[in-house]
Amino acid sequence: MSKGKFTLGAIIGTVIGVITGVLTAPKSGKETRGDLLKKAEELKNVAGTKAEDVKTKAEGVVDEVKTNTDGLIKRTGKAIDAAKKGFNEKK
């Protein structure tokens, strides 16, 4: 199971647990709505933090792929030039 699927499952499980706990608590409707709003704000903050983490990691991966691709292009160009040189010398 990938980390992303696990994290998504954990977030969904947390949300369901919080909602169930708040709705079954012996409080007035006004208190329950306040609790729901507070928990929703907390979850929003956690989701924002996770999104920023994912964005940062994705940017790192993009940079790494770009660097590797640039290196591969250079090596391929050198190999082609060497092959052309060797082919021309054999004529």
PDB file of N, CA and C in Angstrom:
ATOM      1  N   MET A   1       0.857  -1.170   0.000  1.00  0.00           N
ATOM      2  CA  MET A   1       0.000   0.000   0.000  1.00  0.00           C
ATOM      3  C   MET A   1       0.900   1.229   0.000  1.00  0.00           C
ATOM      4  N   SER A   2       0.583   2.198  -0.841  1.00  0.00           N
ATOM      5  CA  SER A   2       1.411   3.390  -0.917  1.00  0.00           C
ATOM      6  C   SER A   2       1.138   4.316   0.269  1.00  0.00           C
ATOM      7  N   LYS A   3       2.104   5.191   0.523  1.00  0.00           N
ATOM      8  CA  LYS A   3       1.956   6.136   1.627  1.00  0.00           C
ATOM      9  C   LYS A   3       0.758   7.053   1.401  1.00  0.00           C
ATOM     10  N   GLY A   4       0.521   7.430   0.149  1.00  0.00           N
ATOM     11  CA  GLY A   4      -0.587   8.321  -0.170  1.00  0.00           C
ATOM     12  C   GLY A   4      -1.931   7.711   0.169  1.00  0.00           C
ATOM     13  N   LYS A   5      -2.093   6.434  -0.173  1.00  0.00           N
ATOM     14  CA  LYS A   5      -3.357   5.760   0.127  1.00  0.00           C
ATOM     15  C   LYS A   5      -3.539   5.602   1.632  1.00  0.00           C
ATOM     16  N   PHE A   6      -2.449   5.282   2.313  1.00  0.00           N
ATOM     17  CA  PHE A   6      -2.519   5.136   3.764  1.00  0.00           C
ATOM     18  C   PHE A   6      -2.893   6.464   4.417  1.00  0.00           C
ATOM     19  N   THR A   7      -2.234   7.537   3.974  1.00  0.00           N
ATOM     20  CA  THR A   7      -2.508   8.866   4.535  1.00  0.00           C
ATOM     21  C   THR A   7      -3.952   9.268   4.280  1.00  0.00           C
ATOM     22  N   LEU A   8      -4.436   9.042   3.070  1.00  0.00           N
ATOM     23  CA  LEU A   8      -5.823   9.372   2.747  1.00  0.00           C
ATOM     24  C   LEU A   8      -6.776   8.571   3.627  1.00  0.00           C
ATOM     25  N   GLY A   9      -6.513   7.293   3.811  1.00  0.00           N
ATOM     26  CA  GLY A   9      -7.345   6.455   4.675  1.00  0.00           C
ATOM     27  C   GLY A   9      -7.324   6.932   6.114  1.00  0.00           C
ATOM     28  N   ALA A  10      -6.144   7.359   6.587  1.00  0.00           N
ATOM     29  CA  ALA A  10      -6.030   7.855   7.956  1.00  0.00           C
ATOM     30  C   ALA A  10      -6.821   9.148   8.137  1.00  0.00           C
ATOM     31  N   ILE A  11      -6.755  10.015   7.141  1.00  0.00           N
ATOM     32  CA  ILE A  11      -7.499  11.278   7.214  1.00  0.00           C
ATOM     33  C   ILE A  11      -8.995  11.012   7.215  1.00  0.00           C
ATOM     34  N   ILE A  12      -9.451  10.144   6.320  1.00  0.00           N
ATOM     35  CA  ILE A  12     -10.878   9.821   6.254  1.00  0.00           C
ATOM     36  C   ILE A  12     -11.332   9.175   7.564  1.00  0.00           C
ATOM     37  N   GLY A  13     -10.548   8.266   8.090  1.00  0.00           N
ATOM     38  CA  GLY A  13     -10.883   7.623   9.366  1.00  0.00           C
ATOM     39  C   GLY A  13     -10.961   8.620  10.505  1.00  0.00           C
ATOM     40  N   THR A  14     -10.036   9.565  10.512  1.00  0.00           N
ATOM     41  CA  THR A  14     -10.048  10.600  11.547  1.00  0.00           C
ATOM     42  C   THR A  14     -11.301  11.456  11.456  1.00  0.00           C
ATOM     43  N   VAL A  15     -11.644  11.850  10.242  1.00  0.00           N
ATOM     44  CA  VAL A  15     -12.840  12.676  10.044  1.00  0.00           C
ATOM     45  C   VAL A  15     -14.087  11.938  10.517  1.00  0.00           C
ATOM     46  N   ILE A  16     -14.204  10.682  10.126  1.00  0.00           N
ATOM     47  CA  ILE A  16     -15.373   9.893  10.536  1.00  0.00           C
ATOM     48  C   ILE A  16     -15.416   9.743  12.056  1.00  0.00           C
ATOM     49  N   GLY A  17     -14.274   9.488  12.659  1.00  0.00           N
ATOM     50  CA  GLY A  17     -14.219   9.351  14.122  1.00  0.00           C
ATOM     51  C   GLY A  17     -14.594  10.629  14.836  1.00  0.00           C
ATOM     52  N   VAL A  18     -14.105  11.744  14.348  1.00  0.00           N
ATOM     53  CA  VAL A  18     -14.414  13.034  14.973  1.00  0.00           C
ATOM     54  C   VAL A  18     -15.908  13.331  14.849  1.00  0.00           C
ATOM     55  N   ILE A  19     -16.456  13.155  13.664  1.00  0.00           N
ATOM     56  CA  ILE A  19     -17.884  13.436  13.459  1.00  0.00           C
ATOM     57  C   ILE A  19     -18.739  12.531  14.335  1.00  0.00           C
ATOM     58  N   THR A  20     -18.398  11.254  14.380  1.00  0.00           N
ATOM     59  CA  THR A  20     -19.160  10.320  15.209  1.00  0.00           C
ATOM     60  C   THR A  20     -19.075  10.710  16.681  1.00  0.00           C
ATOM     61  N   GLY A  21     -17.894  11.040  17.138  1.00  0.00           N
ATOM     62  CA  GLY A  21     -17.720  11.430  18.535  1.00  0.00           C
ATOM     63  C   GLY A  21     -18.478  12.696  18.889  1.00  0.00           C
ATOM     64  N   VAL A  22     -18.446  13.668  18.005  1.00  0.00           N
ATOM     65  CA  VAL A  22     -19.140  14.927  18.277  1.00  0.00           C
ATOM     66  C   VAL A  22     -20.653  14.732  18.253  1.00  0.00           C
ATOM     67  N   LEU A  23     -21.133  13.973  17.291  1.00  0.00           N
ATOM     68  CA  LEU A  23     -22.583  13.796  17.165  1.00  0.00           C
ATOM     69  C   LEU A  23     -23.171  12.934  18.282  1.00  0.00           C
ATOM     70  N   THR A  24     -22.387  12.071  18.877  1.00  0.00           N
ATOM     71  CA  THR A  24     -22.912  11.212  19.949  1.00  0.00           C
ATOM     72  C   THR A  24     -22.672  11.796  21.339  1.00  0.00           C
ATOM     73  N   ALA A  25     -21.950  12.912  21.404  1.00  0.00           N
ATOM     74  CA  ALA A  25     -21.677  13.537  22.711  1.00  0.00           C
ATOM     75  C   ALA A  25     -22.950  14.213  23.238  1.00  0.00           C
ATOM     76  N   PRO A  26     -23.148  14.160  24.545  1.00  0.00           N
ATOM     77  CA  PRO A  26     -24.353  14.763  25.130  1.00  0.00           C
ATOM     78  C   PRO A  26     -24.206  16.285  25.297  1.00  0.00           C
ATOM     79  N   LYS A  27     -24.311  17.008  24.167  1.00  0.00           N
ATOM     80  CA  LYS A  27     -24.188  18.461  24.188  1.00  0.00           C
ATOM     81  C   LYS A  27     -25.373  19.070  23.453  1.00  0.00           C
ATOM     82  N   SER A  28     -25.533  20.360  23.642  1.00  0.00           N
ATOM     83  CA  SER A  28     -26.601  21.051  22.920  1.00  0.00           C
ATOM     84  C   SER A  28     -26.214  21.195  21.452  1.00  0.00           C
ATOM     85  N   GLY A  29     -27.184  21.524  20.627  1.00  0.00           N
ATOM     86  CA  GLY A  29     -26.921  21.707  19.201  1.00  0.00           C
ATOM     87  C   GLY A  29     -25.912  22.799  18.928  1.00  0.00           C
ATOM     88  N   LYS A  30     -26.005  23.893  19.678  1.00  0.00           N
ATOM     89  CA  LYS A  30     -25.086  25.015  19.493  1.00  0.00           C
ATOM     90  C   LYS A  30     -23.652  24.594  19.832  1.00  0.00           C
ATOM     91  N   GLU A  31     -23.487  23.868  20.926  1.00  0.00           N
ATOM     92  CA  GLU A  31     -22.148  23.387  21.316  1.00  0.00           C
ATOM     93  C   GLU A  31     -21.615  22.393  20.285  1.00  0.00           C
ATOM     94  N   THR A  32     -22.489  21.524  19.802  1.00  0.00           N
ATOM     95  CA  THR A  32     -22.080  20.525  18.819  1.00  0.00           C
ATOM     96  C   THR A  32     -21.630  21.203  17.522  1.00  0.00           C
ATOM     97  N   ARG A  33     -22.379  22.193  17.070  1.00  0.00           N
ATOM     98  CA  ARG A  33     -21.988  22.919  15.854  1.00  0.00           C
ATOM     99  C   ARG A  33     -20.652  23.626  16.062  1.00  0.00           C
ATOM    100  N   GLY A  34     -20.467  24.200  17.239  1.00  0.00           N
ATOM    101  CA  GLY A  34     -19.186  24.849  17.543  1.00  0.00           C
ATOM    102  C   GLY A  34     -18.034  23.869  17.519  1.00  0.00           C
ATOM    103  N   ASP A  35     -18.261  22.691  18.099  1.00  0.00           N
ATOM    104  CA  ASP A  35     -17.226  21.648  18.085  1.00  0.00           C
ATOM    105  C   ASP A  35     -16.911  21.204  16.663  1.00  0.00           C
ATOM    106  N   LEU A  36     -17.960  21.042  15.856  1.00  0.00           N
ATOM    107  CA  LEU A  36     -17.762  20.629  14.458  1.00  0.00           C
ATOM    108  C   LEU A  36     -16.956  21.685  13.695  1.00  0.00           C
ATOM    109  N   LEU A  37     -17.277  22.939  13.899  1.00  0.00           N
ATOM    110  CA  LEU A  37     -16.537  24.010  13.221  1.00  0.00           C
ATOM    111  C   LEU A  37     -15.073  24.031  13.652  1.00  0.00           C
ATOM    112  N   LYS A  38     -14.829  23.830  14.959  1.00  0.00           N
ATOM    113  CA  LYS A  38     -13.460  23.822  15.460  1.00  0.00           C
ATOM    114  C   LYS A  38     -12.670  22.651  14.865  1.00  0.00           C
ATOM    115  N   LYS A  39     -13.275  21.473  14.864  1.00  0.00           N
ATOM    116  CA  LYS A  39     -12.594  20.290  14.319  1.00  0.00           C
ATOM    117  C   LYS A  39     -12.376  20.441  12.816  1.00  0.00           C
ATOM    118  N   ALA A  40     -13.358  21.016  12.122  1.00  0.00           N
ATOM    119  CA  ALA A  40     -13.206  21.229  10.678  1.00  0.00           C
ATOM    120  C   ALA A  40     -12.035  22.158  10.398  1.00  0.00           C
ATOM    121  N   GLU A  41     -11.887  23.190  11.200  1.00  0.00           N
ATOM    122  CA  GLU A  41     -10.766  24.128  11.037  1.00  0.00           C
ATOM    123  C   GLU A  41      -9.431  23.425  11.298  1.00  0.00           C
ATOM    124  N   GLU A  42      -9.389  22.584  12.327  1.00  0.00           N
ATOM    125  CA  GLU A  42      -8.160  21.829  12.616  1.00  0.00           C
ATOM    126  C   GLU A  42      -7.803  20.906  11.452  1.00  0.00           C
ATOM    127  N   LEU A  43      -8.799  20.192  10.933  1.00  0.00           N
ATOM    128  CA  LEU A  43      -8.556  19.281   9.815  1.00  0.00           C
ATOM    129  C   LEU A  43      -8.134  20.043   8.563  1.00  0.00           C
ATOM    130  N   LYS A  44      -8.705  21.216   8.368  1.00  0.00           N
ATOM    131  CA  LYS A  44      -8.321  22.054   7.229  1.00  0.00           C
ATOM    132  C   LYS A  44      -6.846  22.435   7.334  1.00  0.00           C
ATOM    133  N   ASN A  45      -6.412  22.794   8.537  1.00  0.00           N
ATOM    134  CA  ASN A  45      -5.008  23.150   8.743  1.00  0.00           C
ATOM    135  C   ASN A  45      -4.081  21.967   8.496  1.00  0.00           C
ATOM    136  N   VAL A  46      -4.478  20.799   8.984  1.00  0.00           N
ATOM    137  CA  VAL A  46      -3.667  19.592   8.770  1.00  0.00           C
ATOM    138  C   VAL A  46      -3.591  19.272   7.278  1.00  0.00           C
ATOM    139  N   ALA A  47      -4.721  19.358   6.592  1.00  0.00           N
ATOM    140  CA  ALA A  47      -4.744  19.074   5.156  1.00  0.00           C
ATOM    141  C   ALA A  47      -3.872  20.075   4.394  1.00  0.00           C
ATOM    142  N   GLY A  48      -3.903  21.334   4.809  1.00  0.00           N
ATOM    143  CA  GLY A  48      -3.062  22.349   4.172  1.00  0.00           C
ATOM    144  C   GLY A  48      -1.588  22.056   4.355  1.00  0.00           C
ATOM    145  N   THR A  49      -1.225  21.635   5.554  1.00  0.00           N
ATOM    146  CA  THR A  49       0.163  21.288   5.828  1.00  0.00           C
ATOM    147  C   THR A  49       0.602  20.092   4.986  1.00  0.00           C
ATOM    148  N   LYS A  50      -0.258  19.081   4.927  1.00  0.00           N
ATOM    149  CA  LYS A  50       0.066  17.894   4.117  1.00  0.00           C
ATOM    150  C   LYS A  50       0.194  18.269   2.648  1.00  0.00           C
ATOM    151  N   ALA A  51      -0.688  19.138   2.163  1.00  0.00           N
ATOM    152  CA  ALA A  51      -0.631  19.565   0.765  1.00  0.00           C
ATOM    153  C   ALA A  51       0.679  20.286   0.476  1.00  0.00           C
ATOM    154  N   GLU A  52       1.120  21.124   1.390  1.00  0.00           N
ATOM    155  CA  GLU A  52       2.397  21.823   1.222  1.00  0.00           C
ATOM    156  C   GLU A  52       3.556  20.829   1.201  1.00  0.00           C
ATOM    157  N   ASP A  53       3.508  19.819   2.077  1.00  0.00           N
ATOM    158  CA  ASP A  53       4.551  18.788   2.089  1.00  0.00           C
ATOM    159  C   ASP A  53       4.607  18.056   0.759  1.00  0.00           C
ATOM    160  N   VAL A  54       3.441  17.691   0.247  1.00  0.00           N
ATOM    161  CA  VAL A  54       3.382  16.975  -1.032  1.00  0.00           C
ATOM    162  C   VAL A  54       3.912  17.854  -2.151  1.00  0.00           C
ATOM    163  N   LYS A  55       3.539  19.130  -2.132  1.00  0.00           N
ATOM    164  CA  LYS A  55       4.003  20.064  -3.164  1.00  0.00           C
ATOM    165  C   LYS A  55       5.522  20.182  -3.133  1.00  0.00           C
ATOM    166  N   THR A  56       6.081  20.306  -1.941  1.00  0.00           N
ATOM    167  CA  THR A  56       7.535  20.428  -1.796  1.00  0.00           C
ATOM    168  C   THR A  56       8.239  19.176  -2.313  1.00  0.00           C
ATOM    169  N   LYS A  57       7.711  18.008  -1.946  1.00  0.00           N
ATOM    170  CA  LYS A  57       8.316  16.756  -2.410  1.00  0.00           C
ATOM    171  C   LYS A  57       8.195  16.621  -3.923  1.00  0.00           C
ATOM    172  N   ALA A  58       7.053  17.005  -4.472  1.00  0.00           N
ATOM    173  CA  ALA A  58       6.853  16.913  -5.918  1.00  0.00           C
ATOM    174  C   ALA A  58       7.824  17.830  -6.656  1.00  0.00           C
ATOM    175  N   GLU A  59       8.027  19.036  -6.129  1.00  0.00           N
ATOM    176  CA  GLU A  59       8.980  19.951  -6.752  1.00  0.00           C
ATOM    177  C   GLU A  59      10.390  19.368  -6.729  1.00  0.00           C
ATOM    178  N   GLY A  60      10.745  18.701  -5.629  1.00  0.00           N
ATOM    179  CA  GLY A  60      12.052  18.059  -5.538  1.00  0.00           C
ATOM    180  C   GLY A  60      12.210  16.954  -6.565  1.00  0.00           C
ATOM    181  N   VAL A  61      11.159  16.171  -6.746  1.00  0.00           N
ATOM    182  CA  VAL A  61      11.196  15.085  -7.726  1.00  0.00           C
ATOM    183  C   VAL A  61      11.324  15.657  -9.139  1.00  0.00           C
ATOM    184  N   VAL A  62      10.581  16.711  -9.423  1.00  0.00           N
ATOM    185  CA  VAL A  62      10.653  17.345 -10.750  1.00  0.00           C
ATOM    186  C   VAL A  62      12.067  17.850 -11.012  1.00  0.00           C
ATOM    187  N   ASP A  63      12.661  18.510 -10.029  1.00  0.00           N
ATOM    188  CA  ASP A  63      14.036  19.003 -10.190  1.00  0.00           C
ATOM    189  C   ASP A  63      15.011  17.856 -10.427  1.00  0.00           C
ATOM    190  N   GLU A  64      14.841  16.769  -9.686  1.00  0.00           N
ATOM    191  CA  GLU A  64      15.735  15.614  -9.836  1.00  0.00           C
ATOM    192  C   GLU A  64      15.589  14.985 -11.222  1.00  0.00           C
ATOM    193  N   VAL A  65      14.354  14.838 -11.678  1.00  0.00           N
ATOM    194  CA  VAL A  65      14.119  14.262 -13.005  1.00  0.00           C
ATOM    195  C   VAL A  65      14.713  15.161 -14.085  1.00  0.00           C
ATOM    196  N   LYS A  66      14.538  16.463 -13.928  1.00  0.00           N
ATOM    197  CA  LYS A  66      15.080  17.410 -14.902  1.00  0.00           C
ATOM    198  C   LYS A  66      16.601  17.312 -14.947  1.00  0.00           C
ATOM    199  N   THR A  67      17.237  17.255 -13.782  1.00  0.00           N
ATOM    200  CA  THR A  67      18.693  17.139 -13.717  1.00  0.00           C
ATOM    201  C   THR A  67      19.158  15.844 -14.372  1.00  0.00           C
ATOM    202  N   ASN A  68      18.494  14.738 -14.053  1.00  0.00           N
ATOM    203  CA  ASN A  68      18.864  13.451 -14.643  1.00  0.00           C
ATOM    204  C   ASN A  68      18.654  13.449 -16.145  1.00  0.00           C
ATOM    205  N   THR A  69      17.580  14.065 -16.609  1.00  0.00           N
ATOM    206  CA  THR A  69      17.296  14.121 -18.041  1.00  0.00           C
ATOM    207  C   THR A  69      18.347  14.953 -18.755  1.00  0.00           C
ATOM    208  N   ASP A  70      18.713  16.092 -18.173  1.00  0.00           N
ATOM    209  CA  ASP A  70      19.752  16.928 -18.785  1.00  0.00           C
ATOM    210  C   ASP A  70      21.065  16.158 -18.903  1.00  0.00           C
ATOM    211  N   GLY A  71      21.427  15.428 -17.857  1.00  0.00           N
ATOM    212  CA  GLY A  71      22.648  14.628 -17.896  1.00  0.00           C
ATOM    213  C   GLY A  71      22.577  13.531 -18.949  1.00  0.00           C
ATOM    214  N   LEU A  72      21.424  12.902 -19.067  1.00  0.00           N
ATOM    215  CA  LEU A  72      21.247  11.843 -20.066  1.00  0.00           C
ATOM    216  C   LEU A  72      21.351  12.412 -21.471  1.00  0.00           C
ATOM    217  N   ILE A  73      20.787  13.580 -21.694  1.00  0.00           N
ATOM    218  CA  ILE A  73      20.858  14.212 -23.018  1.00  0.00           C
ATOM    219  C   ILE A  73      22.311  14.520 -23.370  1.00  0.00           C
ATOM    220  N   LYS A  74      23.064  15.035 -22.420  1.00  0.00           N
ATOM    221  CA  LYS A  74      24.479  15.345 -22.668  1.00  0.00           C
ATOM    222  C   LYS A  74      25.273  14.082 -22.983  1.00  0.00           C
ATOM    223  N   ARG A  75      25.052  13.033 -22.177  1.00  0.00           N
ATOM    224  CA  ARG A  75      25.781  11.776 -22.411  1.00  0.00           C
ATOM    225  C   ARG A  75      25.400  11.166 -23.753  1.00  0.00           C
ATOM    226  N   THR A  76      24.146  11.239 -24.112  1.00  0.00           N
ATOM    227  CA  THR A  76      23.696  10.693 -25.393  1.00  0.00           C
ATOM    228  C   THR A  76      24.323  11.465 -26.545  1.00  0.00           C
ATOM    229  N   GLY A  77      24.369  12.787 -26.411  1.00  0.00           N
ATOM    230  CA  GLY A  77      25.007  13.609 -27.453  1.00  0.00           C
ATOM    231  C   GLY A  77      26.469  13.261 -27.624  1.00  0.00           C
ATOM    232  N   LYS A  78      27.175  13.072 -26.507  1.00  0.00           N
ATOM    233  CA  LYS A  78      28.589  12.696 -26.578  1.00  0.00           C
ATOM    234  C   LYS A  78      28.770  11.329 -27.225  1.00  0.00           C
ATOM    235  N   ALA A  79      27.881  10.397 -26.884  1.00  0.00           N
ATOM    236  CA  ALA A  79      27.968   9.052 -27.468  1.00  0.00           C
ATOM    237  C   ALA A  79      27.717   9.107 -28.975  1.00  0.00           C
ATOM    238  N   ILE A  80      26.767   9.906 -29.402  1.00  0.00           N
ATOM    239  CA  ILE A  80      26.479  10.036 -30.835  1.00  0.00           C
ATOM    240  C   ILE A  80      27.662  10.673 -31.547  1.00  0.00           C
ATOM    241  N   ASP A  81      28.228  11.719 -30.960  1.00  0.00           N
ATOM    242  CA  ASP A  81      29.400  12.368 -31.573  1.00  0.00           C
ATOM    243  C   ASP A  81      30.565  11.388 -31.688  1.00  0.00           C
ATOM    244  N   ALA A  82      30.785  10.595 -30.629  1.00  0.00           N
ATOM    245  CA  ALA A  82      31.876   9.608 -30.655  1.00  0.00           C
ATOM    246  C   ALA A  82      31.605   8.547 -31.715  1.00  0.00           C
ATOM    247  N   ALA A  83      30.363   8.120 -31.845  1.00  0.00           N
ATOM    248  CA  ALA A  83      30.023   7.112 -32.854  1.00  0.00           C
ATOM    249  C   ALA A  83      30.225   7.677 -34.253  1.00  0.00           C
ATOM    250  N   LYS A  84      29.820   8.919 -34.472  1.00  0.00           N
ATOM    251  CA  LYS A  84      30.018   9.555 -35.789  1.00  0.00           C
ATOM    252  C   LYS A  84      31.505   9.661 -36.104  1.00  0.00           C
ATOM    253  N   LYS A  85      32.279  10.077 -35.095  1.00  0.00           N
ATOM    254  CA  LYS A  85      33.716  10.216 -35.285  1.00  0.00           C
ATOM    255  C   LYS A  85      34.337   8.869 -35.637  1.00  0.00           C
ATOM    256  N   GLY A  86      33.966   7.835 -34.910  1.00  0.00           N
ATOM    257  CA  GLY A  86      34.489   6.495 -35.186  1.00  0.00           C
ATOM    258  C   GLY A  86      34.049   5.990 -36.546  1.00  0.00           C
ATOM    259  N   PHE A  87      32.819   6.287 -36.928  1.00  0.00           N
ATOM    260  CA  PHE A  87      32.320   5.843 -38.233  1.00  0.00           C
ATOM    261  C   PHE A  87      33.063   6.557 -39.361  1.00  0.00           C
ATOM    262  N   ASN A  88      33.314   7.863 -39.214  1.00  0.00           N
ATOM    263  CA  ASN A  88      34.004   8.643 -40.240  1.00  0.00           C
ATOM    264  C   ASN A  88      35.451   8.229 -40.351  1.00  0.00           C
ATOM    265  N   GLU A  89      36.082   7.820 -39.262  1.00  0.00           N
ATOM    266  CA  GLU A  89      37.484   7.400 -39.298  1.00  0.00           C
ATOM    267  C   GLU A  89      37.642   6.063 -40.013  1.00  0.00           C
ATOM    268  N   LYS A  90      36.628   5.215 -40.005  1.00  0.00           N
ATOM    269  CA  LYS A  90      36.712   3.899 -40.644  1.00  0.00           C
ATOM    270  C   LYS A  90      36.574   3.990 -42.158  1.00  0.00           C
ATOM    271  N   LYS A  91      36.067   5.085 -42.660  1.00  0.00           N
ATOM    272  CA  LYS A  91      35.870   5.229 -44.122  1.00  0.00           C
ATOM    273  C   LYS A  91      37.154   5.420 -44.840  1.00  0.00           C
TER     274      LYS A  91
END
